[in-house]
PDB file of N, CA and C in Angstrom:
ATOM      1  N   MET A   1     -23.305  20.085 -40.395  1.00  0.00           N
ATOM      2  CA  MET A   1     -22.733  20.014 -39.008  1.00  0.00           C
ATOM      3  C   MET A   1     -24.939  19.660 -38.293  1.00  0.00           C
ATOM      4  N   LYS A   2     -24.977  18.490 -36.880  1.00  0.00           N
ATOM      5  CA  LYS A   2     -25.737  18.624 -36.259  1.00  0.00           C
ATOM      6  C   LYS A   2     -26.302  19.560 -35.129  1.00  0.00           C
ATOM      7  N   SER A   3     -26.869  20.532 -34.826  1.00  0.00           N
ATOM      8  CA  SER A   3     -26.667  21.539 -33.605  1.00  0.00           C
ATOM      9  C   SER A   3     -26.981  21.281 -32.866  1.00  0.00           C
ATOM     10  N   ASP A   4     -27.226  21.863 -31.305  1.00  0.00           N
ATOM     11  CA  ASP A   4     -27.890  20.970 -30.124  1.00  0.00           C
ATOM     12  C   ASP A   4     -27.154  19.875 -30.037  1.00  0.00           C
ATOM     13  N   ILE A   5     -25.856  19.198 -30.022  1.00  0.00           N
ATOM     14  CA  ILE A   5     -25.398  17.451 -29.567  1.00  0.00           C
ATOM     15  C   ILE A   5     -24.207  18.844 -28.657  1.00  0.00           C
ATOM     16  N   HIS A   6     -24.160  20.341 -28.160  1.00  0.00           N
ATOM     17  CA  HIS A   6     -23.313  19.686 -26.571  1.00  0.00           C
ATOM     18  C   HIS A   6     -23.603  20.007 -25.951  1.00  0.00           C
ATOM     19  N   PRO A   7     -23.578  19.443 -24.869  1.00  0.00           N
ATOM     20  CA  PRO A   7     -24.464  19.910 -23.650  1.00  0.00           C
ATOM     21  C   PRO A   7     -24.087  21.431 -23.236  1.00  0.00           C
ATOM     22  N   LYS A   8     -25.004  21.273 -22.202  1.00  0.00           N
ATOM     23  CA  LYS A   8     -24.647  23.071 -21.582  1.00  0.00           C
ATOM     24  C   LYS A   8     -23.662  23.731 -20.428  1.00  0.00           C
ATOM     25  N   TYR A   9     -23.031  25.055 -21.003  1.00  0.00           N
ATOM     26  CA  TYR A   9     -21.356  24.757 -19.837  1.00  0.00           C
ATOM     27  C   TYR A   9     -22.130  26.249 -18.742  1.00  0.00           C
ATOM     28  N   PHE A  10     -22.258  25.644 -17.337  1.00  0.00           N
ATOM     29  CA  PHE A  10     -21.746  26.936 -17.126  1.00  0.00           C
ATOM     30  C   PHE A  10     -20.130  27.429 -16.137  1.00  0.00           C
ATOM     31  N   ALA A  11     -20.509  28.838 -16.268  1.00  0.00           N
ATOM     32  CA  ALA A  11     -18.644  28.592 -16.530  1.00  0.00           C
ATOM     33  C   ALA A  11     -19.435  29.301 -14.654  1.00  0.00           C
ATOM     34  N   ASP A  12     -19.778  29.186 -14.273  1.00  0.00           N
ATOM     35  CA  ASP A  12     -19.303  29.288 -11.866  1.00  0.00           C
ATOM     36  C   ASP A  12     -20.669  27.712 -11.643  1.00  0.00           C
ATOM     37  N   ALA A  13     -20.377  27.067 -12.559  1.00  0.00           N
ATOM     38  CA  ALA A  13     -19.914  25.108 -11.272  1.00  0.00           C
ATOM     39  C   ALA A  13     -19.401  24.666  -9.787  1.00  0.00           C
ATOM     40  N   GLN A  14     -20.492  25.212  -8.741  1.00  0.00           N
ATOM     41  CA  GLN A  14     -19.857  25.334  -7.133  1.00  0.00           C
ATOM     42  C   GLN A  14     -19.711  23.226  -7.339  1.00  0.00           C
ATOM     43  N   VAL A  15     -18.810  23.498  -6.573  1.00  0.00           N
ATOM     44  CA  VAL A  15     -17.681  22.450  -6.516  1.00  0.00           C
ATOM     45  C   VAL A  15     -17.801  22.026  -4.956  1.00  0.00           C
ATOM     46  N   THR A  16     -18.503  20.788  -5.081  1.00  0.00           N
ATOM     47  CA  THR A  16     -18.179  20.318  -2.682  1.00  0.00           C
ATOM     48  C   THR A  16     -17.921  19.874  -2.403  1.00  0.00           C
ATOM     49  N   CYS A  17     -16.871  19.980  -1.420  1.00  0.00           N
ATOM     50  CA  CYS A  17     -16.264  18.993  -0.759  1.00  0.00           C
ATOM     51  C   CYS A  17     -16.210  18.327   0.641  1.00  0.00           C
ATOM     52  N   VAL A  18     -16.481  16.817   0.902  1.00  0.00           N
ATOM     53  CA  VAL A  18     -16.766  16.520   1.882  1.00  0.00           C
ATOM     54  C   VAL A  18     -16.536  16.763   2.758  1.00  0.00           C
ATOM     55  N   CYS A  19     -15.023  17.698   2.959  1.00  0.00           N
ATOM     56  CA  CYS A  19     -14.267  18.577   4.128  1.00  0.00           C
ATOM     57  C   CYS A  19     -15.071  19.625   4.488  1.00  0.00           C
ATOM     58  N   GLY A  20     -16.185  20.107   3.313  1.00  0.00           N
ATOM     59  CA  GLY A  20     -16.879  21.563   4.014  1.00  0.00           C
ATOM     60  C   GLY A  20     -16.097  22.407   2.481  1.00  0.00           C
ATOM     61  N   ASN A  21     -15.211  22.593   2.043  1.00  0.00           N
ATOM     62  CA  ASN A  21     -14.532  23.667   0.763  1.00  0.00           C
ATOM     63  C   ASN A  21     -15.289  23.413  -0.053  1.00  0.00           C
ATOM     64  N   LYS A  22     -15.302  24.762  -0.420  1.00  0.00           N
ATOM     65  CA  LYS A  22     -15.900  24.464  -1.498  1.00  0.00           C
ATOM     66  C   LYS A  22     -15.263  25.747  -2.268  1.00  0.00           C
ATOM     67  N   PHE A  23     -16.331  25.504  -3.531  1.00  0.00           N
ATOM     68  CA  PHE A  23     -14.839  27.125  -4.488  1.00  0.00           C
ATOM     69  C   PHE A  23     -15.521  27.206  -5.988  1.00  0.00           C
ATOM     70  N   THR A  24     -15.687  27.616  -6.840  1.00  0.00           N
ATOM     71  CA  THR A  24     -15.899  27.124  -8.808  1.00  0.00           C
ATOM     72  C   THR A  24     -15.263  27.578  -9.542  1.00  0.00           C
ATOM     73  N   THR A  25     -16.055  26.528 -10.496  1.00  0.00           N
ATOM     74  CA  THR A  25     -15.358  26.369 -11.890  1.00  0.00           C
ATOM     75  C   THR A  25     -15.934  26.410 -12.806  1.00  0.00           C
ATOM     76  N   GLY A  26     -15.494  26.123 -14.168  1.00  0.00           N
ATOM     77  CA  GLY A  26     -16.781  25.548 -14.572  1.00  0.00           C
ATOM     78  C   GLY A  26     -16.757  24.379 -15.570  1.00  0.00           C
ATOM     79  N   SER A  27     -17.593  23.887 -16.227  1.00  0.00           N
ATOM     80  CA  SER A  27     -17.899  22.449 -15.946  1.00  0.00           C
ATOM     81  C   SER A  27     -19.433  22.616 -16.662  1.00  0.00           C
ATOM     82  N   THR A  28     -19.676  20.803 -17.219  1.00  0.00           N
ATOM     83  CA  THR A  28     -21.223  20.861 -17.602  1.00  0.00           C
ATOM     84  C   THR A  28     -22.300  20.576 -16.490  1.00  0.00           C
ATOM     85  N   GLN A  29     -21.921  20.056 -15.241  1.00  0.00           N
ATOM     86  CA  GLN A  29     -22.973  19.953 -14.377  1.00  0.00           C
ATOM     87  C   GLN A  29     -22.810  21.535 -13.386  1.00  0.00           C
ATOM     88  N   GLU A  30     -23.856  21.656 -13.377  1.00  0.00           N
ATOM     89  CA  GLU A  30     -24.337  23.571 -12.472  1.00  0.00           C
ATOM     90  C   GLU A  30     -23.464  21.741 -11.300  1.00  0.00           C
ATOM     91  N   VAL A  31     -23.605  21.210 -10.057  1.00  0.00           N
ATOM     92  CA  VAL A  31     -23.236  21.245  -8.807  1.00  0.00           C
ATOM     93  C   VAL A  31     -22.378  19.921  -8.583  1.00  0.00           C
ATOM     94  N   ILE A  32     -20.759  20.044  -8.090  1.00  0.00           N
ATOM     95  CA  ILE A  32     -19.710  18.619  -7.932  1.00  0.00           C
ATOM     96  C   ILE A  32     -19.607  18.664  -6.753  1.00  0.00           C
ATOM     97  N   HIS A  33     -20.363  17.425  -6.247  1.00  0.00           N
ATOM     98  CA  HIS A  33     -19.254  16.389  -5.078  1.00  0.00           C
ATOM     99  C   HIS A  33     -18.928  15.713  -5.121  1.00  0.00           C
ATOM    100  N   ILE A  34     -17.537  16.167  -4.802  1.00  0.00           N
ATOM    101  CA  ILE A  34     -16.766  15.704  -4.738  1.00  0.00           C
ATOM    102  C   ILE A  34     -15.886  14.410  -3.375  1.00  0.00           C
ATOM    103  N   GLY A  35     -15.261  13.764  -2.925  1.00  0.00           N
ATOM    104  CA  GLY A  35     -14.671  13.206  -1.948  1.00  0.00           C
ATOM    105  C   GLY A  35     -12.830  13.430  -1.417  1.00  0.00           C
ATOM    106  N   LEU A  36     -11.937  14.211  -2.250  1.00  0.00           N
ATOM    107  CA  LEU A  36     -10.495  15.045  -2.626  1.00  0.00           C
ATOM    108  C   LEU A  36     -11.006  16.113  -2.519  1.00  0.00           C
ATOM    109  N   CYS A  37     -10.406  17.324  -1.658  1.00  0.00           N
ATOM    110  CA  CYS A  37      -9.948  18.372  -2.669  1.00  0.00           C
ATOM    111  C   CYS A  37      -8.489  18.716  -2.510  1.00  0.00           C
ATOM    112  N   TYR A  38      -8.308  20.145  -2.590  1.00  0.00           N
ATOM    113  CA  TYR A  38      -6.915  20.308  -1.768  1.00  0.00           C
ATOM    114  C   TYR A  38      -6.541  20.440  -1.001  1.00  0.00           C
ATOM    115  N   LYS A  39      -7.509  20.850  -0.038  1.00  0.00           N
ATOM    116  CA  LYS A  39      -7.686  21.317   1.654  1.00  0.00           C
ATOM    117  C   LYS A  39      -7.168  19.980   2.507  1.00  0.00           C
ATOM    118  N   CYS A  40      -7.602  19.214   1.430  1.00  0.00           N
ATOM    119  CA  CYS A  40      -7.918  16.920   1.967  1.00  0.00           C
ATOM    120  C   CYS A  40      -7.063  16.488   1.818  1.00  0.00           C
ATOM    121  N   HIS A  41      -6.577  16.383   0.870  1.00  0.00           N
ATOM    122  CA  HIS A  41      -5.722  15.872   0.386  1.00  0.00           C
ATOM    123  C   HIS A  41      -4.598  15.148   1.036  1.00  0.00           C
ATOM    124  N   PRO A  42      -3.655  14.139   1.654  1.00  0.00           N
ATOM    125  CA  PRO A  42      -2.779  13.463   2.029  1.00  0.00           C
ATOM    126  C   PRO A  42      -1.506  14.556   1.586  1.00  0.00           C
ATOM    127  N   PHE A  43      -1.500  14.258  -0.433  1.00  0.00           N
ATOM    128  CA  PHE A  43      -0.268  15.116  -0.776  1.00  0.00           C
ATOM    129  C   PHE A  43      -0.036  16.587  -0.533  1.00  0.00           C
ATOM    130  N   TYR A  44      -1.064  16.969   0.437  1.00  0.00           N
ATOM    131  CA  TYR A  44      -0.814  18.680   0.123  1.00  0.00           C
ATOM    132  C   TYR A  44      -1.080  19.233   0.787  1.00  0.00           C
ATOM    133  N   THR A  45      -1.806  18.025   1.765  1.00  0.00           N
ATOM    134  CA  THR A  45      -1.442  18.375   3.967  1.00  0.00           C
ATOM    135  C   THR A  45      -0.240  17.870   4.027  1.00  0.00           C
ATOM    136  N   GLY A  46       0.173  17.024   3.720  1.00  0.00           N
ATOM    137  CA  GLY A  46       1.267  16.205   4.475  1.00  0.00           C
ATOM    138  C   GLY A  46       0.934  15.053   5.572  1.00  0.00           C
ATOM    139  N   GLU A  47       0.099  15.035   5.349  1.00  0.00           N
ATOM    140  CA  GLU A  47      -0.625  14.193   6.334  1.00  0.00           C
ATOM    141  C   GLU A  47      -0.482  12.338   5.587  1.00  0.00           C
ATOM    142  N   GLN A  48      -0.768  11.712   6.646  1.00  0.00           N
ATOM    143  CA  GLN A  48      -1.447   9.802   6.547  1.00  0.00           C
ATOM    144  C   GLN A  48      -2.228   9.001   6.698  1.00  0.00           C
ATOM    145  N   ARG A  49      -2.333   9.804   5.612  1.00  0.00           N
ATOM    146  CA  ARG A  49      -4.359   9.255   6.358  1.00  0.00           C
ATOM    147  C   ARG A  49      -4.942   7.317   4.787  1.00  0.00           C
ATOM    148  N   PHE A  50      -4.510   7.061   5.213  1.00  0.00           N
ATOM    149  CA  PHE A  50      -5.505   6.140   4.953  1.00  0.00           C
ATOM    150  C   PHE A  50      -7.171   5.291   3.891  1.00  0.00           C
ATOM    151  N   VAL A  51      -7.531   5.962   2.690  1.00  0.00           N
ATOM    152  CA  VAL A  51      -8.766   4.662   2.237  1.00  0.00           C
ATOM    153  C   VAL A  51      -9.097   3.332   2.156  1.00  0.00           C
ATOM    154  N   ASP A  52      -9.193   2.882   3.620  1.00  0.00           N
ATOM    155  CA  ASP A  52      -8.484   1.071   2.639  1.00  0.00           C
ATOM    156  C   ASP A  52     -10.880   1.326   2.824  1.00  0.00           C
ATOM    157  N   SER A  53     -11.368   0.693   1.906  1.00  0.00           N
ATOM    158  CA  SER A  53     -12.983  -0.561   2.231  1.00  0.00           C
ATOM    159  C   SER A  53     -12.446  -1.707   2.754  1.00  0.00           C
ATOM    160  N   ALA A  54     -11.814  -2.784   1.873  1.00  0.00           N
ATOM    161  CA  ALA A  54     -11.505  -3.621   1.983  1.00  0.00           C
ATOM    162  C   ALA A  54     -10.802  -3.962   2.177  1.00  0.00           C
ATOM    163  N   SER A  55     -10.337  -3.309   3.945  1.00  0.00           N
ATOM    164  CA  SER A  55      -8.757  -3.805   4.540  1.00  0.00           C
ATOM    165  C   SER A  55      -8.259  -4.236   3.829  1.00  0.00           C
ATOM    166  N   ARG A  56      -7.342  -3.685   2.622  1.00  0.00           N
ATOM    167  CA  ARG A  56      -6.135  -3.984   2.216  1.00  0.00           C
ATOM    168  C   ARG A  56      -4.555  -4.161   2.025  1.00  0.00           C
ATOM    169  N   ILE A  57      -5.417  -3.584   3.191  1.00  0.00           N
ATOM    170  CA  ILE A  57      -3.614  -2.347   4.185  1.00  0.00           C
ATOM    171  C   ILE A  57      -3.740  -3.521   5.731  1.00  0.00           C
ATOM    172  N   GLN A  58      -4.900  -3.711   5.864  1.00  0.00           N
ATOM    173  CA  GLN A  58      -4.466  -4.476   7.126  1.00  0.00           C
ATOM    174  C   GLN A  58      -3.936  -6.046   6.693  1.00  0.00           C
ATOM    175  N   LYS A  59      -4.461  -6.859   5.418  1.00  0.00           N
ATOM    176  CA  LYS A  59      -4.164  -8.714   5.478  1.00  0.00           C
ATOM    177  C   LYS A  59      -2.375  -7.297   4.757  1.00  0.00           C
ATOM    178  N   PHE A  60      -2.056  -6.387   3.383  1.00  0.00           N
ATOM    179  CA  PHE A  60      -0.927  -5.970   4.006  1.00  0.00           C
ATOM    180  C   PHE A  60       0.506  -6.650   5.115  1.00  0.00           C
ATOM    181  N   GLN A  61      -0.269  -6.017   5.637  1.00  0.00           N
ATOM    182  CA  GLN A  61       0.017  -5.369   6.967  1.00  0.00           C
ATOM    183  C   GLN A  61       0.766  -7.835   7.787  1.00  0.00           C
ATOM    184  N   THR A  62       0.362  -8.423   7.845  1.00  0.00           N
ATOM    185  CA  THR A  62      -0.582  -8.780   9.009  1.00  0.00           C
ATOM    186  C   THR A  62       0.088 -10.057   7.704  1.00  0.00           C
ATOM    187  N   LYS A  63       0.469  -9.670   6.158  1.00  0.00           N
ATOM    188  CA  LYS A  63       1.871 -10.776   5.456  1.00  0.00           C
ATOM    189  C   LYS A  63       2.960 -10.205   5.727  1.00  0.00           C
ATOM    190  N   GLN A  64       3.229  -8.744   6.519  1.00  0.00           N
ATOM    191  CA  GLN A  64       4.708  -9.075   6.273  1.00  0.00           C
ATOM    192  C   GLN A  64       5.185  -9.355   8.203  1.00  0.00           C
ATOM    193  N   LYS A  65       3.994  -9.315   8.714  1.00  0.00           N
ATOM    194  CA  LYS A  65       4.301  -9.616  10.201  1.00  0.00           C
ATOM    195  C   LYS A  65       5.116 -11.031  10.256  1.00  0.00           C
ATOM    196  N   THR A  66       3.675 -12.042   9.451  1.00  0.00           N
ATOM    197  CA  THR A  66       4.325 -13.391   9.274  1.00  0.00           C
ATOM    198  C   THR A  66       5.318 -13.529   8.531  1.00  0.00           C
ATOM    199  N   ALA A  67       5.599 -13.068   7.784  1.00  0.00           N
ATOM    200  CA  ALA A  67       6.850 -12.897   6.385  1.00  0.00           C
ATOM    201  C   ALA A  67       8.362 -13.062   7.323  1.00  0.00           C
ATOM    202  N   SER A  68       8.318 -11.453   8.226  1.00  0.00           N
ATOM    203  CA  SER A  68       9.233 -11.527   9.026  1.00  0.00           C
ATOM    204  C   SER A  68      10.228 -12.894  10.474  1.00  0.00           C
ATOM    205  N   ALA A  69       8.600 -12.475  10.820  1.00  0.00           N
ATOM    206  CA  ALA A  69       7.964 -13.923  10.809  1.00  0.00           C
ATOM    207  C   ALA A  69       8.851 -15.141  10.841  1.00  0.00           C
ATOM    208  N   ILE A  70       9.148 -15.712   9.663  1.00  0.00           N
ATOM    209  CA  ILE A  70       9.370 -16.855   9.520  1.00  0.00           C
ATOM    210  C   ILE A  70      10.652 -17.001   9.217  1.00  0.00           C
ATOM    211  N   LYS A  71      10.910 -15.488   8.970  1.00  0.00           N
ATOM    212  CA  LYS A  71      12.287 -15.161   7.970  1.00  0.00           C
ATOM    213  C   LYS A  71      13.655 -15.717   8.905  1.00  0.00           C
ATOM    214  N   GLU A  72      12.425 -15.038  10.678  1.00  0.00           N
ATOM    215  CA  GLU A  72      13.751 -14.403  11.424  1.00  0.00           C
ATOM    216  C   GLU A  72      14.091 -16.645  12.445  1.00  0.00           C
ATOM    217  N   THR A  73      13.192 -17.998  12.203  1.00  0.00           N
ATOM    218  CA  THR A  73      12.815 -18.653  12.347  1.00  0.00           C
ATOM    219  C   THR A  73      14.317 -19.460  11.726  1.00  0.00           C
ATOM    220  N   VAL A  74      14.224 -18.705   9.360  1.00  0.00           N
ATOM    221  CA  VAL A  74      15.420 -19.020   9.379  1.00  0.00           C
ATOM    222  C   VAL A  74      16.593 -19.544   9.461  1.00  0.00           C
ATOM    223  N   GLN A  75      15.942 -17.712   9.682  1.00  0.00           N
ATOM    224  CA  GLN A  75      17.771 -17.584  11.110  1.00  0.00           C
ATOM    225  C   GLN A  75      18.397 -18.293  11.982  1.00  0.00           C
ATOM    226  N   LYS A  76      17.480 -18.032  12.273  1.00  0.00           N
ATOM    227  CA  LYS A  76      17.616 -19.101  13.744  1.00  0.00           C
ATOM    228  C   LYS A  76      18.447 -20.325  13.488  1.00  0.00           C
ATOM    229  N   LYS A  77      17.273 -21.340  11.871  1.00  0.00           N
ATOM    230  CA  LYS A  77      17.568 -22.752  12.339  1.00  0.00           C
ATOM    231  C   LYS A  77      19.643 -22.461  10.786  1.00  0.00           C
ATOM    232  N   VAL A  78      19.912 -21.901  10.280  1.00  0.00           N
ATOM    233  CA  VAL A  78      21.056 -21.273   9.956  1.00  0.00           C
ATOM    234  C   VAL A  78      21.480 -21.295  11.032  1.00  0.00           C
ATOM    235  N   GLU A  79      21.585 -19.889  11.590  1.00  0.00           N
ATOM    236  CA  GLU A  79      22.607 -20.494  13.033  1.00  0.00           C
ATOM    237  C   GLU A  79      23.033 -21.159  13.707  1.00  0.00           C
ATOM    238  N   ASP A  80      21.521 -22.544  13.657  1.00  0.00           N
ATOM    239  CA  ASP A  80      22.340 -23.716  14.430  1.00  0.00           C
ATOM    240  C   ASP A  80      23.108 -24.019  14.374  1.00  0.00           C
ATOM    241  N   LYS A  81      22.966 -24.137  12.722  1.00  0.00           N
ATOM    242  CA  LYS A  81      23.012 -25.556  11.916  1.00  0.00           C
ATOM    243  C   LYS A  81      25.161 -25.224  12.002  1.00  0.00           C
ATOM    244  N   LYS A  82      25.143 -24.170  11.785  1.00  0.00           N
ATOM    245  CA  LYS A  82      26.581 -22.608  11.829  1.00  0.00           C
ATOM    246  C   LYS A  82      27.012 -24.166  12.610  1.00  0.00           C
ATOM    247  N   ARG A  83      27.067 -22.584  13.916  1.00  0.00           N
ATOM    248  CA  ARG A  83      26.628 -24.031  15.574  1.00  0.00           C
ATOM    249  C   ARG A  83      28.105 -25.095  15.690  1.00  0.00           C
ATOM    250  N   LYS A  84      26.615 -26.167  14.856  1.00  0.00           N
ATOM    251  CA  LYS A  84      26.351 -27.624  15.110  1.00  0.00           C
ATOM    252  C   LYS A  84      28.108 -27.829  14.016  1.00  0.00           C
ATOM    253  N   THR A  85      28.737 -27.729  13.105  1.00  0.00           N
ATOM    254  CA  THR A  85      29.182 -27.831  12.349  1.00  0.00           C
ATOM    255  C   THR A  85      30.649 -27.079  12.883  1.00  0.00           C
ATOM    256  N   GLN A  86      30.234 -25.759  13.561  1.00  0.00           N
ATOM    257  CA  GLN A  86      31.567 -25.570  15.007  1.00  0.00           C
ATOM    258  C   GLN A  86      32.164 -26.076  15.597  1.00  0.00           C
ATOM    259  N   GLU A  87      31.325 -26.785  16.610  1.00  0.00           N
ATOM    260  CA  GLU A  87      30.807 -27.531  17.667  1.00  0.00           C
ATOM    261  C   GLU A  87      32.099 -29.008  17.286  1.00  0.00           C
ATOM    262  N   GLY A  88      32.200 -29.316  15.714  1.00  0.00           N
ATOM    263  CA  GLY A  88      32.561 -30.971  15.323  1.00  0.00           C
ATOM    264  C   GLY A  88      31.601 -31.939  14.669  1.00  0.00           C
ATOM    265  N   GLN A  89      30.520 -31.653  14.701  1.00  0.00           N
ATOM    266  CA  GLN A  89      30.450 -31.960  13.708  1.00  0.00           C
ATOM    267  C   GLN A  89      29.637 -32.184  12.708  1.00  0.00           C
ATOM    268  N   LYS A  90      30.215 -33.561  12.362  1.00  0.00           N
ATOM    269  CA  LYS A  90      30.184 -33.264  10.774  1.00  0.00           C
ATOM    270  C   LYS A  90      29.055 -34.339  10.351  1.00  0.00           C
ATOM    271  N   SER A  91      29.020 -33.582   9.062  1.00  0.00           N
ATOM    272  CA  SER A  91      28.014 -33.312   7.990  1.00  0.00           C
ATOM    273  C   SER A  91      27.685 -34.375   7.049  1.00  0.00           C
ATOM    274  N   LEU A  92      26.223 -35.289   6.834  1.00  0.00           N
ATOM    275  CA  LEU A  92      27.123 -35.957   6.264  1.00  0.00           C
ATOM    276  C   LEU A  92      28.568 -36.311   4.772  1.00  0.00           C
ATOM    277  N   ARG A  93      27.953 -35.557   4.006  1.00  0.00           N
ATOM    278  CA  ARG A  93      29.130 -35.552   3.193  1.00  0.00           C
ATOM    279  C   ARG A  93      30.430 -35.688   3.760  1.00  0.00           C
ATOM    280  N   GLU A  94      30.793 -34.863   5.044  1.00  0.00           N
ATOM    281  CA  GLU A  94      32.442 -35.102   5.559  1.00  0.00           C
ATOM    282  C   GLU A  94      32.032 -36.819   5.668  1.00  0.00           C
ATOM    283  N   MET A  95      30.900 -37.048   6.508  1.00  0.00           N
ATOM    284  CA  MET A  95      31.455 -38.002   7.505  1.00  0.00           C
ATOM    285  C   MET A  95      31.178 -40.306   5.417  1.00  0.00           C
ATOM    286  N   LEU A  96      30.497 -40.023   4.730  1.00  0.00           N
ATOM    287  CA  LEU A  96      30.941 -40.602   3.595  1.00  0.00           C
ATOM    288  C   LEU A  96      32.471 -39.902   3.177  1.00  0.00           C
ATOM    289  N   MET A  97      33.123 -38.753   3.037  1.00  0.00           N
ATOM    290  CA  MET A  97      34.247 -38.836   2.284  1.00  0.00           C
ATOM    291  C   MET A  97      35.273 -39.334   3.188  1.00  0.00           C
ATOM    292  N   GLY A  98      34.772 -39.483   4.903  1.00  0.00           N
ATOM    293  CA  GLY A  98      35.803 -40.713   5.885  1.00  0.00           C
ATOM    294  C   GLY A  98      36.031 -41.818   5.149  1.00  0.00           C
ATOM    295  N   LEU A  99      35.005 -42.587   4.874  1.00  0.00           N
ATOM    296  CA  LEU A  99      35.049 -43.768   4.501  1.00  0.00           C
ATOM    297  C   LEU A  99      35.368 -44.143   3.839  1.00  0.00           C
ATOM    298  N   LYS A 100      35.516 -43.313   2.431  1.00  0.00           N
ATOM    299  CA  LYS A 100      36.724 -44.154   1.175  1.00  0.00           C
ATOM    300  C   LYS A 100      38.083 -44.022   2.038  1.00  0.00           C
TER     301      LYS A 100
END
């Protein structure tokens, strides 16, 4: 076996979070900087927070708004069509069937 191929292990590695929380753990790095920890992660805190650098959430919300607007216009058209047929206007099929 080769000797000295394993990295050095630090039993008291210092982990520092962006929120300011610090704790120690075992690692192959002496100092570790992280973006989220158990004190600030939304799953553990119960808060709803989004980390969105590419504005994907805003794009999705605008798509939802336009889809709901289109859905409303389609529903209005269907209601208008039903109302017209109830008022006595015949559809094209009914008019053609009446010619025979």
